[in-house]
Amino acid sequence: MFTSPDTMVPDFYNPLDWNRYSYVRYNPIRYTDPTGHITQGEEQDAEKILKLLALYDVSISKDWGIKSKKWQDGLWTLSELQTVLDSVRDLAKALGGISAFQSELGGVMISQKDMKYGGLGEAHKVTLSAGGFSMWTVVHELAHAWDGANGWKLSSDMSSSLGAGFDHPILHFLFPNDPAYWYLSG
């Protein structure tokens, strides 16, 4: 047990991880975890998740592992990778299966970075907040990637059928806090 808590619960489904004062699931002889992110002992599980995501044509920007003969932590936790996999599986099921997911999205690269939004999605690319995200956020951003991969047709069709949209999209981008340029709900 250590005196400062981990900044996150790495795996919500593992009861050992709920004690944020424990260090590497009470096994410091086998594992090391200087940041709270993927440990050397978890790298095989992380690689399995990456292989499963590849079946859907989804890649993760891998930023952890042995580099220059030394372990380097990245932004991802095992729990976050699992959240992405669960989200991809759910969306694929809703779309009608893996091949429909692959066809509609045309491949997606997912990465993380520090940002003020929960995520950003565009054609073939999703960026998730390094500050944490939920399954809802992943599916939401994948929907933007899907829309972008299809020329933003889904958004434009919805906007026109609802009479919604941005009257001034450039001004909205330049002045996002000014309600005069917000999205019109229709």
N, C-alpha and C. Protein backbone atom coordinates (compact mmCIF):
# COMPACT_ATOMS: atom_id res chain seq x y z
N MET A 1 0.85 -1.18 0.00
CA MET A 1 0.00 0.00 0.00
C MET A 1 0.89 1.24 0.00
N PHE A 2 0.45 2.25 -0.71
CA PHE A 2 1.22 3.48 -0.83
C PHE A 2 0.43 4.66 -0.30
N THR A 3 1.08 5.78 -0.11
CA THR A 3 0.46 6.92 0.56
C THR A 3 -0.34 7.82 -0.35
N SER A 4 -0.17 7.74 -1.65
CA SER A 4 -0.98 8.57 -2.55
C SER A 4 -1.79 7.67 -3.47
N PRO A 5 -3.04 8.05 -3.73
CA PRO A 5 -3.90 7.20 -4.56
C PRO A 5 -3.53 7.29 -6.04
N ASP A 6 -3.82 6.23 -6.76
CA ASP A 6 -3.68 6.25 -8.22
C ASP A 6 -4.67 7.28 -8.75
N THR A 7 -4.35 7.90 -9.87
CA THR A 7 -5.22 8.94 -10.42
C THR A 7 -6.45 8.37 -11.11
N MET A 8 -6.49 7.06 -11.33
CA MET A 8 -7.63 6.45 -12.00
C MET A 8 -7.82 5.02 -11.54
N VAL A 9 -8.98 4.47 -11.85
CA VAL A 9 -9.23 3.05 -11.64
C VAL A 9 -8.96 2.39 -12.99
N PRO A 10 -7.85 1.65 -13.12
CA PRO A 10 -7.47 1.13 -14.42
C PRO A 10 -8.48 0.18 -15.05
N ASP A 11 -9.09 -0.68 -14.25
CA ASP A 11 -10.04 -1.65 -14.78
C ASP A 11 -11.22 -1.73 -13.82
N PHE A 12 -12.35 -1.16 -14.22
CA PHE A 12 -13.53 -1.11 -13.36
C PHE A 12 -14.05 -2.50 -13.01
N TYR A 13 -13.71 -3.50 -13.82
CA TYR A 13 -14.22 -4.85 -13.60
C TYR A 13 -13.30 -5.68 -12.70
N ASN A 14 -12.18 -5.13 -12.29
CA ASN A 14 -11.26 -5.85 -11.42
C ASN A 14 -11.34 -5.24 -10.02
N PRO A 15 -11.85 -5.99 -9.04
CA PRO A 15 -12.01 -5.44 -7.70
C PRO A 15 -10.71 -4.96 -7.07
N LEU A 16 -9.57 -5.55 -7.44
CA LEU A 16 -8.29 -5.10 -6.89
C LEU A 16 -7.98 -3.67 -7.29
N ASP A 17 -8.49 -3.22 -8.42
CA ASP A 17 -8.20 -1.86 -8.90
C ASP A 17 -9.03 -0.79 -8.20
N TRP A 18 -10.06 -1.19 -7.48
CA TRP A 18 -10.88 -0.19 -6.79
C TRP A 18 -10.15 0.41 -5.59
N ASN A 19 -9.18 -0.30 -5.05
CA ASN A 19 -8.36 0.28 -3.99
C ASN A 19 -7.25 1.07 -4.68
N ARG A 20 -7.44 2.37 -4.79
CA ARG A 20 -6.51 3.20 -5.54
C ARG A 20 -5.20 3.42 -4.79
N TYR A 21 -5.09 2.91 -3.55
CA TYR A 21 -3.84 2.98 -2.81
C TYR A 21 -2.99 1.72 -3.01
N SER A 22 -3.53 0.72 -3.67
CA SER A 22 -2.74 -0.48 -3.93
C SER A 22 -1.80 -0.17 -5.10
N TYR A 23 -0.72 -0.90 -5.17
CA TYR A 23 0.24 -0.67 -6.24
C TYR A 23 0.33 -1.94 -7.07
N VAL A 24 0.11 -1.83 -8.35
CA VAL A 24 0.16 -2.93 -9.32
C VAL A 24 -0.50 -4.20 -8.80
N ARG A 25 -1.73 -4.01 -8.34
CA ARG A 25 -2.55 -5.13 -7.86
C ARG A 25 -1.82 -5.97 -6.81
N TYR A 26 -1.13 -5.29 -5.91
CA TYR A 26 -0.43 -5.91 -4.80
C TYR A 26 0.70 -6.85 -5.24
N ASN A 27 1.25 -6.64 -6.42
CA ASN A 27 2.29 -7.53 -6.91
C ASN A 27 3.48 -6.74 -7.47
N PRO A 28 4.20 -5.96 -6.63
CA PRO A 28 5.30 -5.14 -7.11
C PRO A 28 6.54 -5.95 -7.53
N ILE A 29 6.59 -7.23 -7.18
CA ILE A 29 7.71 -8.06 -7.62
C ILE A 29 7.57 -8.35 -9.12
N ARG A 30 6.34 -8.58 -9.56
CA ARG A 30 6.11 -8.95 -10.96
C ARG A 30 5.88 -7.73 -11.85
N TYR A 31 5.21 -6.67 -11.35
CA TYR A 31 4.83 -5.54 -12.18
C TYR A 31 5.47 -4.24 -11.70
N THR A 32 5.56 -3.30 -12.62
CA THR A 32 5.91 -1.92 -12.26
C THR A 32 4.88 -1.02 -12.92
N ASP A 33 4.59 0.10 -12.30
CA ASP A 33 3.59 1.01 -12.83
C ASP A 33 3.85 2.43 -12.32
N PRO A 34 4.84 3.10 -12.85
CA PRO A 34 5.15 4.42 -12.34
C PRO A 34 4.06 5.47 -12.60
N THR A 35 3.21 5.29 -13.61
CA THR A 35 2.21 6.32 -13.94
C THR A 35 0.78 5.90 -13.69
N GLY A 36 0.50 4.62 -13.52
CA GLY A 36 -0.88 4.17 -13.39
C GLY A 36 -1.46 3.72 -14.71
N HIS A 37 -0.67 3.76 -15.76
CA HIS A 37 -1.15 3.35 -17.08
C HIS A 37 -0.71 1.92 -17.35
N ILE A 38 -0.79 1.46 -18.58
CA ILE A 38 -0.53 0.05 -18.88
C ILE A 38 0.82 -0.36 -18.29
N THR A 39 0.78 -1.42 -17.48
CA THR A 39 1.98 -1.92 -16.84
C THR A 39 2.67 -2.92 -17.76
N GLN A 40 3.90 -3.22 -17.43
CA GLN A 40 4.62 -4.23 -18.22
C GLN A 40 3.89 -5.56 -18.17
N GLY A 41 3.25 -5.86 -17.09
CA GLY A 41 2.51 -7.11 -16.99
C GLY A 41 1.20 -7.11 -17.76
N GLU A 42 0.70 -5.95 -18.12
CA GLU A 42 -0.57 -5.85 -18.85
C GLU A 42 -0.39 -5.72 -20.36
N GLU A 43 0.84 -5.60 -20.82
CA GLU A 43 1.06 -5.34 -22.23
C GLU A 43 0.51 -6.44 -23.13
N GLN A 44 0.54 -7.69 -22.68
CA GLN A 44 0.00 -8.78 -23.50
C GLN A 44 -1.52 -8.63 -23.65
N ASP A 45 -2.20 -8.24 -22.57
CA ASP A 45 -3.64 -8.01 -22.64
C ASP A 45 -3.95 -6.84 -23.57
N ALA A 46 -3.14 -5.80 -23.51
CA ALA A 46 -3.32 -4.64 -24.39
C ALA A 46 -3.15 -5.05 -25.84
N GLU A 47 -2.14 -5.87 -26.12
CA GLU A 47 -1.90 -6.32 -27.50
C GLU A 47 -3.08 -7.16 -28.02
N LYS A 48 -3.68 -7.98 -27.14
CA LYS A 48 -4.85 -8.77 -27.55
C LYS A 48 -6.00 -7.86 -27.96
N ILE A 49 -6.21 -6.78 -27.20
CA ILE A 49 -7.28 -5.84 -27.53
C ILE A 49 -6.98 -5.16 -28.86
N LEU A 50 -5.73 -4.79 -29.11
CA LEU A 50 -5.36 -4.17 -30.38
C LEU A 50 -5.65 -5.11 -31.56
N LYS A 51 -5.36 -6.40 -31.37
CA LYS A 51 -5.63 -7.39 -32.43
C LYS A 51 -7.13 -7.53 -32.68
N LEU A 52 -7.93 -7.51 -31.62
CA LEU A 52 -9.38 -7.59 -31.79
C LEU A 52 -9.92 -6.34 -32.50
N LEU A 53 -9.40 -5.18 -32.15
CA LEU A 53 -9.82 -3.95 -32.83
C LEU A 53 -9.44 -3.97 -34.31
N ALA A 54 -8.32 -4.58 -34.63
CA ALA A 54 -7.88 -4.66 -36.03
C ALA A 54 -8.89 -5.42 -36.89
N LEU A 55 -9.63 -6.35 -36.29
CA LEU A 55 -10.68 -7.07 -37.04
C LEU A 55 -11.75 -6.12 -37.57
N TYR A 56 -11.92 -4.99 -36.89
CA TYR A 56 -12.92 -3.99 -37.27
C TYR A 56 -12.30 -2.87 -38.12
N ASP A 57 -11.02 -2.98 -38.43
CA ASP A 57 -10.28 -1.94 -39.14
C ASP A 57 -10.09 -0.70 -38.26
N VAL A 58 -9.94 -0.93 -36.97
CA VAL A 58 -9.70 0.15 -36.01
C VAL A 58 -8.29 -0.01 -35.47
N SER A 59 -7.52 1.06 -35.53
CA SER A 59 -6.15 1.06 -35.00
C SER A 59 -6.07 2.01 -33.82
N ILE A 60 -5.24 1.66 -32.88
CA ILE A 60 -4.97 2.53 -31.73
C ILE A 60 -3.57 3.08 -31.89
N SER A 61 -3.44 4.35 -31.64
CA SER A 61 -2.12 4.97 -31.64
C SER A 61 -1.38 4.48 -30.40
N LYS A 62 -0.57 3.44 -30.56
CA LYS A 62 0.12 2.79 -29.44
C LYS A 62 1.28 3.67 -28.99
N ASP A 63 1.27 4.02 -27.72
CA ASP A 63 2.32 4.90 -27.20
C ASP A 63 2.96 4.33 -25.94
N TRP A 64 2.96 3.01 -25.78
CA TRP A 64 3.56 2.38 -24.62
C TRP A 64 4.44 1.23 -25.09
N GLY A 65 5.32 0.78 -24.21
CA GLY A 65 6.12 -0.41 -24.50
C GLY A 65 7.60 -0.21 -24.28
N ILE A 66 8.36 -1.21 -24.69
CA ILE A 66 9.81 -1.16 -24.56
C ILE A 66 10.37 -0.30 -25.68
N LYS A 67 11.07 0.73 -25.29
CA LYS A 67 11.71 1.62 -26.26
C LYS A 67 13.11 1.89 -25.76
N SER A 68 14.09 1.67 -26.60
CA SER A 68 15.49 1.82 -26.22
C SER A 68 15.83 0.98 -24.98
N LYS A 69 15.33 -0.25 -24.98
CA LYS A 69 15.59 -1.24 -23.92
C LYS A 69 15.03 -0.83 -22.57
N LYS A 70 14.07 0.11 -22.56
CA LYS A 70 13.48 0.56 -21.30
C LYS A 70 11.97 0.70 -21.49
N TRP A 71 11.23 0.33 -20.46
CA TRP A 71 9.77 0.46 -20.53
C TRP A 71 9.37 1.92 -20.55
N GLN A 72 8.42 2.26 -21.44
CA GLN A 72 7.89 3.62 -21.50
C GLN A 72 6.38 3.57 -21.41
N ASP A 73 5.82 4.27 -20.42
CA ASP A 73 4.38 4.34 -20.28
C ASP A 73 3.80 5.26 -21.34
N GLY A 74 2.56 5.05 -21.65
CA GLY A 74 1.85 5.92 -22.57
C GLY A 74 0.61 6.49 -21.91
N LEU A 75 -0.29 7.02 -22.71
CA LEU A 75 -1.51 7.61 -22.18
C LEU A 75 -2.58 6.57 -21.87
N TRP A 76 -2.58 5.44 -22.55
CA TRP A 76 -3.66 4.47 -22.45
C TRP A 76 -3.59 3.64 -21.18
N THR A 77 -4.78 3.29 -20.67
CA THR A 77 -4.89 2.26 -19.64
C THR A 77 -5.57 1.06 -20.28
N LEU A 78 -5.44 -0.08 -19.65
CA LEU A 78 -6.08 -1.29 -20.15
C LEU A 78 -7.60 -1.10 -20.17
N SER A 79 -8.13 -0.46 -19.15
CA SER A 79 -9.56 -0.20 -19.07
C SER A 79 -10.04 0.69 -20.23
N GLU A 80 -9.25 1.68 -20.60
CA GLU A 80 -9.63 2.55 -21.72
C GLU A 80 -9.64 1.77 -23.03
N LEU A 81 -8.64 0.92 -23.23
CA LEU A 81 -8.63 0.09 -24.44
C LEU A 81 -9.85 -0.81 -24.48
N GLN A 82 -10.22 -1.36 -23.33
CA GLN A 82 -11.41 -2.22 -23.27
C GLN A 82 -12.67 -1.41 -23.58
N THR A 83 -12.74 -0.18 -23.10
CA THR A 83 -13.89 0.69 -23.38
C THR A 83 -14.00 0.93 -24.88
N VAL A 84 -12.88 1.18 -25.54
CA VAL A 84 -12.90 1.38 -27.00
C VAL A 84 -13.39 0.10 -27.69
N LEU A 85 -12.86 -1.05 -27.28
CA LEU A 85 -13.28 -2.31 -27.90
C LEU A 85 -14.77 -2.56 -27.69
N ASP A 86 -15.27 -2.36 -26.48
CA ASP A 86 -16.70 -2.56 -26.20
C ASP A 86 -17.55 -1.62 -27.04
N SER A 87 -17.10 -0.38 -27.20
CA SER A 87 -17.85 0.61 -27.98
C SER A 87 -17.88 0.23 -29.45
N VAL A 88 -16.74 -0.20 -29.98
CA VAL A 88 -16.66 -0.62 -31.38
C VAL A 88 -17.56 -1.82 -31.62
N ARG A 89 -17.53 -2.79 -30.70
CA ARG A 89 -18.39 -3.97 -30.84
C ARG A 89 -19.88 -3.58 -30.84
N ASP A 90 -20.26 -2.67 -29.93
CA ASP A 90 -21.66 -2.25 -29.87
C ASP A 90 -22.10 -1.54 -31.15
N LEU A 91 -21.26 -0.63 -31.65
CA LEU A 91 -21.62 0.09 -32.87
C LEU A 91 -21.66 -0.87 -34.06
N ALA A 92 -20.71 -1.79 -34.13
CA ALA A 92 -20.71 -2.77 -35.22
C ALA A 92 -21.98 -3.63 -35.19
N LYS A 93 -22.39 -4.03 -34.01
CA LYS A 93 -23.62 -4.82 -33.88
C LYS A 93 -24.82 -4.01 -34.36
N ALA A 94 -24.87 -2.73 -33.99
CA ALA A 94 -25.98 -1.87 -34.42
C ALA A 94 -25.98 -1.65 -35.93
N LEU A 95 -24.80 -1.65 -36.54
CA LEU A 95 -24.69 -1.45 -37.99
C LEU A 95 -24.93 -2.73 -38.78
N GLY A 96 -24.96 -3.88 -38.09
CA GLY A 96 -25.22 -5.13 -38.78
C GLY A 96 -24.03 -6.07 -38.87
N GLY A 97 -22.98 -5.79 -38.10
CA GLY A 97 -21.84 -6.71 -38.05
C GLY A 97 -20.52 -6.04 -38.43
N ILE A 98 -19.47 -6.86 -38.34
CA ILE A 98 -18.12 -6.35 -38.56
C ILE A 98 -17.95 -5.81 -39.98
N SER A 99 -18.41 -6.56 -40.98
CA SER A 99 -18.20 -6.11 -42.36
C SER A 99 -18.96 -4.81 -42.65
N ALA A 100 -20.14 -4.65 -42.07
CA ALA A 100 -20.89 -3.39 -42.25
C ALA A 100 -20.14 -2.24 -41.58
N PHE A 101 -19.59 -2.49 -40.40
CA PHE A 101 -18.80 -1.47 -39.70
C PHE A 101 -17.60 -1.06 -40.56
N GLN A 102 -16.87 -2.06 -41.07
CA GLN A 102 -15.70 -1.77 -41.90
C GLN A 102 -16.10 -1.00 -43.16
N SER A 103 -17.18 -1.39 -43.77
CA SER A 103 -17.64 -0.74 -45.01
C SER A 103 -18.07 0.70 -44.76
N GLU A 104 -18.80 0.92 -43.68
CA GLU A 104 -19.33 2.26 -43.40
C GLU A 104 -18.26 3.24 -42.92
N LEU A 105 -17.33 2.76 -42.10
CA LEU A 105 -16.32 3.67 -41.53
C LEU A 105 -15.01 3.68 -42.31
N GLY A 106 -14.73 2.63 -43.05
CA GLY A 106 -13.54 2.61 -43.89
C GLY A 106 -12.22 2.72 -43.16
N GLY A 107 -12.15 2.21 -41.96
CA GLY A 107 -10.92 2.26 -41.17
C GLY A 107 -10.87 3.51 -40.30
N VAL A 108 -10.50 3.32 -39.05
CA VAL A 108 -10.43 4.44 -38.10
C VAL A 108 -9.16 4.30 -37.25
N MET A 109 -8.43 5.40 -37.12
CA MET A 109 -7.28 5.49 -36.21
C MET A 109 -7.75 6.23 -34.98
N ILE A 110 -7.54 5.64 -33.80
CA ILE A 110 -7.96 6.27 -32.54
C ILE A 110 -6.72 6.60 -31.72
N SER A 111 -6.68 7.83 -31.24
CA SER A 111 -5.57 8.27 -30.40
C SER A 111 -6.12 9.06 -29.22
N GLN A 112 -5.23 9.42 -28.33
CA GLN A 112 -5.59 10.25 -27.17
C GLN A 112 -4.68 11.47 -27.13
N LYS A 113 -5.21 12.54 -26.60
CA LYS A 113 -4.37 13.69 -26.30
C LYS A 113 -5.08 14.54 -25.27
N ASP A 114 -4.31 15.38 -24.60
CA ASP A 114 -4.89 16.30 -23.63
C ASP A 114 -5.66 17.37 -24.39
N MET A 115 -6.94 17.49 -24.10
CA MET A 115 -7.77 18.51 -24.73
C MET A 115 -8.95 18.81 -23.85
N LYS A 116 -9.62 19.92 -24.13
CA LYS A 116 -10.73 20.33 -23.26
C LYS A 116 -12.03 19.63 -23.61
N TYR A 117 -12.13 19.00 -24.78
CA TYR A 117 -13.33 18.28 -25.19
C TYR A 117 -13.19 16.80 -24.84
N GLY A 118 -14.31 16.09 -24.78
CA GLY A 118 -14.27 14.66 -24.52
C GLY A 118 -13.67 13.88 -25.68
N GLY A 119 -13.83 14.43 -26.87
CA GLY A 119 -13.29 13.76 -28.05
C GLY A 119 -13.58 14.56 -29.31
N LEU A 120 -12.95 14.15 -30.38
CA LEU A 120 -13.16 14.74 -31.70
C LEU A 120 -13.20 13.61 -32.71
N GLY A 121 -14.12 13.68 -33.64
CA GLY A 121 -14.20 12.67 -34.67
C GLY A 121 -14.27 13.29 -36.05
N GLU A 122 -13.54 12.71 -36.98
CA GLU A 122 -13.57 13.13 -38.37
C GLU A 122 -13.37 11.88 -39.21
N ALA A 123 -13.42 12.01 -40.51
CA ALA A 123 -13.28 10.85 -41.38
C ALA A 123 -12.02 10.08 -41.03
N HIS A 124 -12.17 8.82 -40.68
CA HIS A 124 -11.09 7.87 -40.43
C HIS A 124 -10.21 8.20 -39.22
N LYS A 125 -10.66 9.12 -38.37
CA LYS A 125 -9.83 9.50 -37.23
C LYS A 125 -10.70 9.91 -36.04
N VAL A 126 -10.36 9.39 -34.87
CA VAL A 126 -11.02 9.77 -33.62
C VAL A 126 -9.91 10.08 -32.61
N THR A 127 -10.07 11.20 -31.93
CA THR A 127 -9.16 11.57 -30.85
C THR A 127 -9.98 11.66 -29.58
N LEU A 128 -9.55 10.95 -28.54
CA LEU A 128 -10.25 10.93 -27.27
C LEU A 128 -9.45 11.69 -26.23
N SER A 129 -10.15 12.28 -25.28
CA SER A 129 -9.50 13.07 -24.24
C SER A 129 -8.68 12.17 -23.32
N ALA A 130 -7.44 12.55 -23.10
CA ALA A 130 -6.58 11.82 -22.17
C ALA A 130 -7.07 11.99 -20.73
N GLY A 131 -8.01 12.91 -20.52
CA GLY A 131 -8.56 13.11 -19.19
C GLY A 131 -9.64 12.11 -18.84
N GLY A 132 -9.96 11.20 -19.74
CA GLY A 132 -10.97 10.18 -19.50
C GLY A 132 -12.13 10.31 -20.46
N PHE A 133 -12.77 9.20 -20.74
CA PHE A 133 -13.89 9.17 -21.67
C PHE A 133 -14.76 7.96 -21.35
N SER A 134 -15.97 7.99 -21.86
CA SER A 134 -16.93 6.91 -21.63
C SER A 134 -17.22 6.18 -22.94
N MET A 135 -17.96 5.08 -22.85
CA MET A 135 -18.40 4.39 -24.06
C MET A 135 -19.24 5.32 -24.92
N TRP A 136 -20.08 6.13 -24.27
CA TRP A 136 -20.91 7.06 -25.02
C TRP A 136 -20.04 7.98 -25.87
N THR A 137 -18.96 8.50 -25.30
CA THR A 137 -18.07 9.40 -26.03
C THR A 137 -17.45 8.68 -27.23
N VAL A 138 -16.99 7.45 -27.03
CA VAL A 138 -16.35 6.71 -28.12
C VAL A 138 -17.34 6.49 -29.25
N VAL A 139 -18.55 6.03 -28.94
CA VAL A 139 -19.56 5.79 -29.98
C VAL A 139 -19.93 7.11 -30.67
N HIS A 140 -20.07 8.17 -29.89
CA HIS A 140 -20.41 9.48 -30.44
C HIS A 140 -19.34 9.93 -31.45
N GLU A 141 -18.07 9.82 -31.08
CA GLU A 141 -16.99 10.24 -31.98
C GLU A 141 -16.86 9.30 -33.17
N LEU A 142 -17.13 8.00 -32.98
CA LEU A 142 -17.14 7.08 -34.11
C LEU A 142 -18.25 7.44 -35.10
N ALA A 143 -19.38 7.95 -34.57
CA ALA A 143 -20.46 8.38 -35.46
C ALA A 143 -20.00 9.57 -36.31
N HIS A 144 -19.20 10.47 -35.72
CA HIS A 144 -18.64 11.57 -36.52
C HIS A 144 -17.68 11.02 -37.58
N ALA A 145 -16.88 10.03 -37.22
CA ALA A 145 -15.96 9.41 -38.19
C ALA A 145 -16.74 8.76 -39.32
N TRP A 146 -17.85 8.11 -38.98
CA TRP A 146 -18.72 7.48 -39.96
C TRP A 146 -19.30 8.55 -40.89
N ASP A 147 -19.80 9.61 -40.30
CA ASP A 147 -20.37 10.71 -41.07
C ASP A 147 -19.31 11.32 -41.99
N GLY A 148 -18.12 11.57 -41.45
CA GLY A 148 -17.04 12.15 -42.25
C GLY A 148 -16.62 11.24 -43.39
N ALA A 149 -16.59 9.94 -43.14
CA ALA A 149 -16.21 8.98 -44.18
C ALA A 149 -17.25 8.94 -45.30
N ASN A 150 -18.44 9.42 -45.01
CA ASN A 150 -19.52 9.45 -46.02
C ASN A 150 -19.82 10.87 -46.48
N GLY A 151 -18.82 11.74 -46.45
CA GLY A 151 -18.97 13.10 -46.95
C GLY A 151 -19.89 13.99 -46.13
N TRP A 152 -20.06 13.68 -44.85
CA TRP A 152 -20.92 14.43 -43.93
C TRP A 152 -22.38 14.41 -44.38
N LYS A 153 -22.74 13.41 -45.17
CA LYS A 153 -24.11 13.28 -45.69
C LYS A 153 -25.12 13.07 -44.56
N LEU A 154 -24.76 12.29 -43.56
CA LEU A 154 -25.71 12.02 -42.47
C LEU A 154 -26.09 13.32 -41.76
N SER A 155 -25.12 14.16 -41.45
CA SER A 155 -25.38 15.43 -40.76
C SER A 155 -26.18 16.38 -41.64
N SER A 156 -25.78 16.49 -42.90
CA SER A 156 -26.49 17.43 -43.78
C SER A 156 -27.91 16.98 -44.04
N ASP A 157 -28.15 15.67 -44.21
CA ASP A 157 -29.52 15.17 -44.39
C ASP A 157 -30.36 15.45 -43.15
N MET A 158 -29.80 15.21 -41.97
CA MET A 158 -30.52 15.47 -40.73
C MET A 158 -30.81 16.96 -40.59
N SER A 159 -29.83 17.79 -40.84
CA SER A 159 -30.02 19.24 -40.71
C SER A 159 -31.10 19.74 -41.65
N SER A 160 -31.07 19.29 -42.90
CA SER A 160 -32.08 19.79 -43.84
C SER A 160 -33.47 19.27 -43.51
N SER A 161 -33.58 18.02 -43.07
CA SER A 161 -34.91 17.49 -42.75
C SER A 161 -35.49 18.14 -41.50
N LEU A 162 -34.63 18.60 -40.58
CA LEU A 162 -35.10 19.25 -39.36
C LEU A 162 -35.15 20.77 -39.48
N GLY A 163 -34.59 21.29 -40.55
CA GLY A 163 -34.49 22.74 -40.67
C GLY A 163 -33.49 23.28 -39.66
N ALA A 164 -32.46 22.48 -39.39
CA ALA A 164 -31.46 22.86 -38.38
C ALA A 164 -30.12 23.12 -39.05
N GLY A 165 -29.18 23.58 -38.27
CA GLY A 165 -27.83 23.77 -38.78
C GLY A 165 -27.20 25.04 -38.27
N PHE A 166 -26.06 25.38 -38.83
CA PHE A 166 -25.35 26.60 -38.49
C PHE A 166 -25.62 27.64 -39.57
N ASP A 167 -26.19 28.78 -39.18
CA ASP A 167 -26.35 29.87 -40.15
C ASP A 167 -24.99 30.45 -40.51
N HIS A 168 -24.09 30.43 -39.54
CA HIS A 168 -22.77 31.04 -39.73
C HIS A 168 -21.70 30.07 -39.22
N PRO A 169 -21.40 28.97 -39.95
CA PRO A 169 -20.45 27.99 -39.41
C PRO A 169 -19.05 28.55 -39.17
N ILE A 170 -18.59 29.45 -39.99
CA ILE A 170 -17.24 30.01 -39.79
C ILE A 170 -17.23 30.89 -38.55
N LEU A 171 -18.28 31.72 -38.40
CA LEU A 171 -18.35 32.57 -37.20
C LEU A 171 -18.51 31.73 -35.94
N HIS A 172 -19.24 30.60 -36.06
CA HIS A 172 -19.36 29.69 -34.91
C HIS A 172 -17.98 29.16 -34.51
N PHE A 173 -17.19 28.78 -35.51
CA PHE A 173 -15.85 28.27 -35.22
C PHE A 173 -14.98 29.35 -34.57
N LEU A 174 -15.07 30.57 -35.08
CA LEU A 174 -14.25 31.66 -34.56
C LEU A 174 -14.71 32.16 -33.20
N PHE A 175 -16.04 32.12 -32.96
CA PHE A 175 -16.61 32.63 -31.71
C PHE A 175 -17.55 31.59 -31.09
N PRO A 176 -17.00 30.46 -30.64
CA PRO A 176 -17.86 29.37 -30.16
C PRO A 176 -18.69 29.70 -28.93
N ASN A 177 -18.33 30.73 -28.17
CA ASN A 177 -19.08 31.08 -26.96
C ASN A 177 -20.16 32.12 -27.21
N ASP A 178 -20.27 32.60 -28.42
CA ASP A 178 -21.28 33.61 -28.75
C ASP A 178 -22.56 32.91 -29.22
N PRO A 179 -23.64 32.99 -28.43
CA PRO A 179 -24.89 32.29 -28.78
C PRO A 179 -25.46 32.70 -30.14
N ALA A 180 -25.11 33.85 -30.64
CA ALA A 180 -25.62 34.28 -31.95
C ALA A 180 -25.16 33.34 -33.06
N TYR A 181 -24.10 32.59 -32.81
CA TYR A 181 -23.54 31.71 -33.85
C TYR A 181 -23.65 30.23 -33.48
N TRP A 182 -24.50 29.90 -32.52
CA TRP A 182 -24.67 28.51 -32.13
C TRP A 182 -25.54 27.78 -33.14
N TYR A 183 -25.53 26.46 -33.00
CA TYR A 183 -26.30 25.56 -33.86
C TYR A 183 -27.79 25.81 -33.67
N LEU A 184 -28.52 25.92 -34.77
CA LEU A 184 -29.97 26.09 -34.71
C LEU A 184 -30.60 24.70 -34.67
N SER A 185 -31.39 24.44 -33.65
CA SER A 185 -31.92 23.08 -33.46
C SER A 185 -33.06 22.74 -34.41
N GLY A 186 -33.69 23.70 -35.03
CA GLY A 186 -34.76 23.41 -36.01
C GLY A 186 -36.04 22.97 -35.37
